[in-house]
Protein backbone atom coordinates (compact mmCIF):
# COMPACT_ATOMS: atom_id res chain seq x y z
CA MET A 1 100.00 87.28 101.97
CA THR A 2 99.29 88.86 105.33
CA ALA A 3 96.57 87.60 107.68
CA VAL A 4 95.30 89.33 110.83
CA ARG A 5 92.68 87.90 113.18
CA ARG A 6 91.07 90.01 115.90
CA GLU A 7 88.50 89.03 118.53
CA HIS A 8 86.19 91.29 120.52
CA ALA A 9 82.96 90.68 122.46
CA GLY A 10 82.84 87.04 121.43
CA GLN A 11 83.19 87.83 117.72
CA ALA A 12 86.19 87.29 115.46
CA VAL A 13 87.25 89.06 112.25
CA LEU A 14 89.87 87.89 109.76
CA CYS A 15 91.62 90.24 107.33
CA LEU A 16 93.58 88.75 104.41
CA THR A 17 95.80 90.92 102.21
CA SER A 18 97.59 89.66 99.10
CA THR A 19 101.11 90.98 98.62
CA ALA A 20 101.52 89.00 95.39
CA ASP A 21 101.59 90.45 91.88
CA VAL A 22 99.15 87.81 90.63
CA PRO A 23 95.79 86.51 91.89
CA LEU A 24 96.10 83.67 94.40
CA THR A 25 94.02 81.30 96.47
CA ALA A 26 94.84 81.22 100.17
CA ARG A 27 93.95 78.05 102.05
CA VAL A 28 92.95 79.19 105.53
CA PRO A 29 93.19 76.70 108.42
CA LEU A 30 90.63 77.37 111.15
CA PRO A 31 89.88 75.08 114.09
CA GLN A 32 86.55 73.35 114.54
CA ALA A 33 84.30 75.20 116.98
CA THR A 34 82.23 73.52 119.63
CA ALA A 35 78.62 74.41 120.34
CA GLY A 36 78.24 73.69 124.03
CA THR A 37 78.74 70.01 124.74
CA GLY A 38 77.41 68.85 121.36
CA PRO A 39 79.36 67.87 118.25
CA THR A 40 81.82 70.21 116.63
CA GLU A 41 80.55 72.54 113.92
CA PRO A 42 82.51 73.81 110.90
CA ILE A 43 83.67 77.39 110.76
CA GLU A 44 82.30 79.76 108.10
CA LEU A 45 83.85 82.95 106.78
CA ILE A 46 81.27 85.62 105.96
CA GLU A 47 82.66 88.43 103.83
CA ILE A 48 82.07 91.81 105.46
CA ALA A 49 84.20 93.95 103.12
CA ARG A 50 86.69 93.95 100.26
CA ASP A 51 88.51 96.76 98.54
CA LEU A 52 86.89 96.03 95.16
CA PRO A 53 83.29 94.77 95.62
CA THR A 54 82.30 92.13 93.09
CA HIS A 55 78.69 91.44 94.05
CA PRO A 56 75.66 93.78 94.02
CA PRO A 57 75.21 95.83 97.22
CA ASP A 58 71.77 94.30 97.92
CA ALA A 59 73.02 90.70 97.48
CA PRO A 60 73.76 88.59 100.55
CA PRO A 61 77.45 88.49 101.48
CA PRO A 62 79.53 85.59 100.20
CA VAL A 63 79.93 82.75 102.71
CA LEU A 64 83.01 80.53 102.47
CA ARG A 65 83.01 77.05 103.99
CA PRO A 66 85.75 74.47 104.48
CA ALA A 67 86.77 72.21 101.61
CA PRO A 68 86.84 68.43 102.28
CA ASP A 69 90.41 68.80 103.60
CA GLY A 70 89.15 71.21 106.32
CA LEU A 71 90.83 74.31 104.84
CA ILE A 72 88.84 77.29 103.58
CA PRO A 73 89.91 78.44 100.10
CA VAL A 74 89.89 82.24 99.75
CA GLU A 75 90.54 83.85 96.38
CA LEU A 76 92.49 87.12 96.52
CA ASP A 77 93.20 89.46 93.63
CA ALA A 78 96.77 90.76 93.29
CA GLY A 79 97.48 93.37 95.96
CA HIS A 80 93.92 93.37 97.37
CA THR A 81 92.29 92.77 100.75
CA ARG A 82 89.20 90.92 101.99
CA TRP A 83 87.66 91.04 105.48
CA PHE A 84 85.61 88.21 106.97
CA ARG A 85 83.57 87.57 110.07
CA ILE A 86 84.45 84.15 111.49
CA ARG A 87 81.52 82.15 112.85
CA THR A 88 80.30 78.66 113.46
CA THR A 89 77.21 77.52 111.61
CA THR A 90 75.37 77.46 114.94
CA HIS A 91 76.42 80.94 116.11
CA PRO A 92 75.10 82.49 118.24
CA PRO A 93 74.19 79.65 120.60
CA PRO A 94 70.54 79.77 121.67
CA ASP A 95 71.42 80.48 125.30
CA GLY A 96 74.42 82.71 124.54
CA PRO A 97 74.66 86.49 124.54
CA PRO A 98 73.19 88.35 121.55
CA ASP A 99 75.35 89.04 118.54
CA PRO A 100 77.02 92.46 119.10
CA PHE A 101 77.06 93.08 115.32
CA THR A 102 73.28 92.76 114.98
CA PRO A 103 71.55 96.13 114.49
CA PRO A 104 69.41 97.23 117.45
CA PRO A 105 65.67 96.60 117.19
CA ALA A 106 63.55 99.40 115.70
CA ARG A 107 61.68 101.48 118.23
């Protein structure tokens, strides 16, 4: 398996690619994120793309959350790739900059 994480403008994306010949479940370790000075919040992975879509186009994207051991299980088909946006459950903070991936308001 190959994993690549990129950050830009306060956002992070994770790309996971299976190099195995059989389906597998990756267990992704991600640190806890802090929301200001409050308690830590768990990380979520929101699927933004995959090479073989499995859910209807109008359905909300799958959201993966940590298992009790703190790792996020990600199922990967043999030789396939999934892309995720990494975010905390409180992102964006109320006083933080707007989300750069949010579409602009209609005019």
